[in-house]
């Protein structure tokens, strides 16, 4: 969430897109950490599956936003 907010506040789509990709990568990193937590017995499998699904859905949502911004004619606040 912080990466998305920071990218948006930079005022241009190119920078915003860069931060969205960072955010999507962070969702992947979170999934990796969930696998380790499961392997080390820190979470139960049902909890793992719920959280992994949420992280995957978040990643899909971020990618959807990336696609929409790429299609947009608007270049960002600082270019208005």
N, C-alpha and C. Protein backbone atom coordinates (compact mmCIF):
# COMPACT_ATOMS: atom_id res chain seq x y z
N UNK A 1 0.82 -1.18 0.00
CA UNK A 1 0.00 0.00 0.00
C UNK A 1 0.87 1.25 0.00
N UNK A 2 1.95 1.23 0.76
CA UNK A 2 2.83 2.39 0.83
C UNK A 2 3.51 2.66 -0.50
N UNK A 3 3.93 1.60 -1.19
CA UNK A 3 4.55 1.78 -2.50
C UNK A 3 3.58 2.39 -3.49
N UNK A 4 2.35 1.94 -3.47
CA UNK A 4 1.33 2.47 -4.38
C UNK A 4 1.08 3.93 -4.08
N UNK A 5 0.95 4.28 -2.81
CA UNK A 5 0.73 5.68 -2.43
C UNK A 5 1.91 6.56 -2.85
N UNK A 6 3.13 6.07 -2.61
CA UNK A 6 4.30 6.87 -2.98
C UNK A 6 4.38 7.07 -4.49
N UNK A 7 4.14 6.01 -5.24
CA UNK A 7 4.16 6.13 -6.70
C UNK A 7 3.12 7.09 -7.22
N UNK A 8 1.92 7.04 -6.65
CA UNK A 8 0.85 7.95 -7.07
C UNK A 8 1.22 9.39 -6.79
N UNK A 9 1.79 9.64 -5.63
CA UNK A 9 2.13 11.01 -5.24
C UNK A 9 3.25 11.62 -6.08
N UNK A 10 3.98 10.82 -6.82
CA UNK A 10 5.04 11.35 -7.68
C UNK A 10 4.46 12.08 -8.89
N UNK A 11 3.18 11.85 -9.18
CA UNK A 11 2.48 12.68 -10.14
C UNK A 11 2.61 12.29 -11.61
N UNK A 12 3.31 11.24 -11.93
CA UNK A 12 3.43 10.84 -13.33
C UNK A 12 3.19 9.34 -13.48
N UNK A 13 2.61 8.96 -14.60
CA UNK A 13 2.27 7.56 -14.79
C UNK A 13 3.48 6.64 -14.86
N UNK A 14 4.58 7.09 -15.46
CA UNK A 14 5.75 6.22 -15.55
C UNK A 14 6.26 5.85 -14.16
N UNK A 15 6.35 6.84 -13.29
CA UNK A 15 6.80 6.55 -11.93
C UNK A 15 5.77 5.71 -11.17
N UNK A 16 4.50 6.04 -11.38
CA UNK A 16 3.44 5.28 -10.72
C UNK A 16 3.51 3.81 -11.14
N UNK A 17 3.69 3.58 -12.44
CA UNK A 17 3.81 2.20 -12.93
C UNK A 17 5.00 1.49 -12.29
N UNK A 18 6.11 2.18 -12.16
CA UNK A 18 7.29 1.58 -11.55
C UNK A 18 6.96 1.11 -10.12
N UNK A 19 6.28 1.95 -9.37
CA UNK A 19 5.93 1.60 -7.99
C UNK A 19 4.86 0.51 -7.93
N UNK A 20 3.99 0.46 -8.92
CA UNK A 20 3.02 -0.63 -8.97
C UNK A 20 3.72 -1.97 -9.20
N UNK A 21 4.73 -1.98 -10.07
CA UNK A 21 5.49 -3.21 -10.28
C UNK A 21 6.22 -3.62 -9.00
N UNK A 22 6.74 -2.65 -8.27
CA UNK A 22 7.38 -2.95 -6.98
C UNK A 22 6.35 -3.55 -6.03
N UNK A 23 5.16 -2.99 -6.01
CA UNK A 23 4.10 -3.50 -5.14
C UNK A 23 3.71 -4.92 -5.52
N UNK A 24 3.62 -5.18 -6.82
CA UNK A 24 3.29 -6.53 -7.28
C UNK A 24 4.38 -7.51 -6.86
N UNK A 25 5.63 -7.08 -6.97
CA UNK A 25 6.75 -7.94 -6.53
C UNK A 25 6.68 -8.19 -5.03
N UNK A 26 6.28 -7.20 -4.27
CA UNK A 26 6.16 -7.37 -2.82
C UNK A 26 5.08 -8.40 -2.48
N UNK A 27 4.01 -8.44 -3.28
CA UNK A 27 2.98 -9.46 -3.06
C UNK A 27 3.58 -10.85 -3.29
N UNK A 28 4.44 -10.97 -4.30
CA UNK A 28 5.12 -12.24 -4.54
C UNK A 28 6.05 -12.61 -3.40
N UNK A 29 6.74 -11.60 -2.88
CA UNK A 29 7.63 -11.84 -1.74
C UNK A 29 6.83 -12.30 -0.52
N UNK A 30 5.65 -11.74 -0.34
CA UNK A 30 4.79 -12.15 0.76
C UNK A 30 4.37 -13.61 0.62
N UNK A 31 4.08 -14.02 -0.62
CA UNK A 31 3.73 -15.43 -0.84
C UNK A 31 4.91 -16.34 -0.50
N UNK A 32 6.10 -15.92 -0.86
CA UNK A 32 7.29 -16.70 -0.53
C UNK A 32 7.44 -16.85 0.97
N UNK A 33 7.21 -15.78 1.69
CA UNK A 33 7.31 -15.82 3.15
C UNK A 33 6.23 -16.72 3.75
N UNK A 34 5.06 -16.73 3.14
CA UNK A 34 4.00 -17.63 3.61
C UNK A 34 4.40 -19.09 3.48
N UNK A 35 5.05 -19.43 2.37
CA UNK A 35 5.53 -20.81 2.20
C UNK A 35 6.54 -21.18 3.29
N UNK A 36 7.44 -20.25 3.61
CA UNK A 36 8.40 -20.53 4.67
C UNK A 36 7.71 -20.68 6.02
N UNK A 37 6.74 -19.81 6.29
CA UNK A 37 6.00 -19.90 7.55
C UNK A 37 5.30 -21.24 7.66
N UNK A 38 4.74 -21.72 6.55
CA UNK A 38 4.09 -23.03 6.54
C UNK A 38 5.12 -24.14 6.78
N UNK A 39 6.24 -24.06 6.07
CA UNK A 39 7.28 -25.08 6.20
C UNK A 39 7.83 -25.17 7.63
N UNK A 40 7.92 -24.02 8.30
CA UNK A 40 8.46 -24.00 9.67
C UNK A 40 7.38 -24.21 10.73
N UNK A 41 6.15 -24.49 10.31
CA UNK A 41 5.08 -24.77 11.25
C UNK A 41 4.56 -23.54 11.98
N UNK A 42 4.79 -22.38 11.42
CA UNK A 42 4.36 -21.14 12.07
C UNK A 42 2.89 -20.83 11.80
N UNK A 43 2.35 -21.39 10.70
CA UNK A 43 0.93 -21.23 10.38
C UNK A 43 0.40 -22.59 9.94
N UNK A 44 -0.90 -22.74 10.07
CA UNK A 44 -1.57 -23.97 9.64
C UNK A 44 -1.85 -23.90 8.14
N UNK A 45 -2.06 -25.04 7.53
CA UNK A 45 -2.27 -25.08 6.08
C UNK A 45 -3.52 -24.30 5.65
N UNK A 46 -4.60 -24.38 6.42
CA UNK A 46 -5.81 -23.64 6.04
C UNK A 46 -5.57 -22.13 6.08
N UNK A 47 -4.83 -21.66 7.08
CA UNK A 47 -4.49 -20.25 7.17
C UNK A 47 -3.58 -19.85 6.00
N UNK A 48 -2.62 -20.71 5.69
CA UNK A 48 -1.72 -20.48 4.56
C UNK A 48 -2.51 -20.31 3.27
N UNK A 49 -3.45 -21.21 3.02
CA UNK A 49 -4.21 -21.15 1.78
C UNK A 49 -5.04 -19.87 1.65
N UNK A 50 -5.63 -19.45 2.75
CA UNK A 50 -6.41 -18.21 2.74
C UNK A 50 -5.51 -17.02 2.42
N UNK A 51 -4.38 -16.93 3.13
CA UNK A 51 -3.49 -15.80 2.94
C UNK A 51 -2.83 -15.81 1.57
N UNK A 52 -2.45 -16.99 1.09
CA UNK A 52 -1.85 -17.10 -0.25
C UNK A 52 -2.84 -16.66 -1.32
N UNK A 53 -4.09 -17.07 -1.18
CA UNK A 53 -5.13 -16.68 -2.13
C UNK A 53 -5.32 -15.17 -2.12
N UNK A 54 -5.33 -14.57 -0.95
CA UNK A 54 -5.46 -13.11 -0.86
C UNK A 54 -4.29 -12.40 -1.51
N UNK A 55 -3.09 -12.90 -1.30
CA UNK A 55 -1.90 -12.29 -1.92
C UNK A 55 -1.96 -12.43 -3.44
N UNK A 56 -2.43 -13.58 -3.92
CA UNK A 56 -2.58 -13.78 -5.36
C UNK A 56 -3.62 -12.83 -5.95
N UNK A 57 -4.73 -12.66 -5.25
CA UNK A 57 -5.78 -11.75 -5.70
C UNK A 57 -5.27 -10.31 -5.73
N UNK A 58 -4.49 -9.94 -4.73
CA UNK A 58 -3.91 -8.61 -4.69
C UNK A 58 -2.98 -8.40 -5.89
N UNK A 59 -2.16 -9.38 -6.18
CA UNK A 59 -1.24 -9.31 -7.31
C UNK A 59 -2.01 -9.14 -8.62
N UNK A 60 -3.09 -9.89 -8.79
CA UNK A 60 -3.92 -9.78 -9.99
C UNK A 60 -4.54 -8.38 -10.08
N UNK A 61 -5.00 -7.85 -8.96
CA UNK A 61 -5.59 -6.51 -8.94
C UNK A 61 -4.58 -5.43 -9.30
N UNK A 62 -3.39 -5.55 -8.77
CA UNK A 62 -2.34 -4.57 -9.10
C UNK A 62 -2.01 -4.64 -10.58
N UNK A 63 -1.91 -5.86 -11.12
CA UNK A 63 -1.62 -6.00 -12.54
C UNK A 63 -2.75 -5.39 -13.38
N UNK A 64 -3.99 -5.57 -12.96
CA UNK A 64 -5.11 -4.95 -13.66
C UNK A 64 -4.99 -3.44 -13.70
N UNK A 65 -4.56 -2.85 -12.59
CA UNK A 65 -4.36 -1.40 -12.55
C UNK A 65 -3.22 -1.00 -13.49
N UNK A 66 -2.16 -1.79 -13.53
CA UNK A 66 -1.04 -1.52 -14.45
C UNK A 66 -1.54 -1.49 -15.89
N UNK A 67 -2.34 -2.47 -16.26
CA UNK A 67 -2.87 -2.55 -17.63
C UNK A 67 -3.72 -1.32 -17.94
N UNK A 68 -4.57 -0.93 -17.00
CA UNK A 68 -5.44 0.23 -17.23
C UNK A 68 -4.63 1.52 -17.38
N UNK A 69 -3.62 1.69 -16.58
CA UNK A 69 -2.81 2.91 -16.66
C UNK A 69 -2.05 2.94 -17.97
N UNK A 70 -1.55 1.79 -18.41
CA UNK A 70 -0.84 1.74 -19.69
C UNK A 70 -1.75 2.14 -20.85
N UNK A 71 -3.03 1.81 -20.76
CA UNK A 71 -3.99 2.14 -21.82
C UNK A 71 -4.41 3.61 -21.79
N UNK A 72 -4.24 4.24 -20.66
CA UNK A 72 -4.76 5.59 -20.44
C UNK A 72 -3.99 6.63 -21.24
N UNK A 73 -4.73 7.62 -21.70
CA UNK A 73 -4.12 8.77 -22.38
C UNK A 73 -3.55 9.77 -21.36
N UNK A 74 -4.09 9.73 -20.15
CA UNK A 74 -3.66 10.66 -19.10
C UNK A 74 -2.24 10.29 -18.67
N UNK A 75 -1.35 11.25 -18.58
CA UNK A 75 0.06 10.99 -18.26
C UNK A 75 0.42 11.31 -16.82
N UNK A 76 -0.53 11.85 -16.06
CA UNK A 76 -0.26 12.13 -14.66
C UNK A 76 -0.43 13.61 -14.34
N UNK A 77 -0.56 13.91 -13.06
CA UNK A 77 -0.83 15.27 -12.59
C UNK A 77 0.24 16.27 -13.00
N UNK A 78 1.49 15.88 -12.93
CA UNK A 78 2.55 16.85 -13.20
C UNK A 78 2.67 17.21 -14.67
N UNK A 79 1.92 16.52 -15.54
CA UNK A 79 1.95 16.81 -16.96
C UNK A 79 0.71 17.54 -17.44
N UNK A 80 -0.16 17.96 -16.51
CA UNK A 80 -1.40 18.67 -16.87
C UNK A 80 -1.14 20.15 -17.06
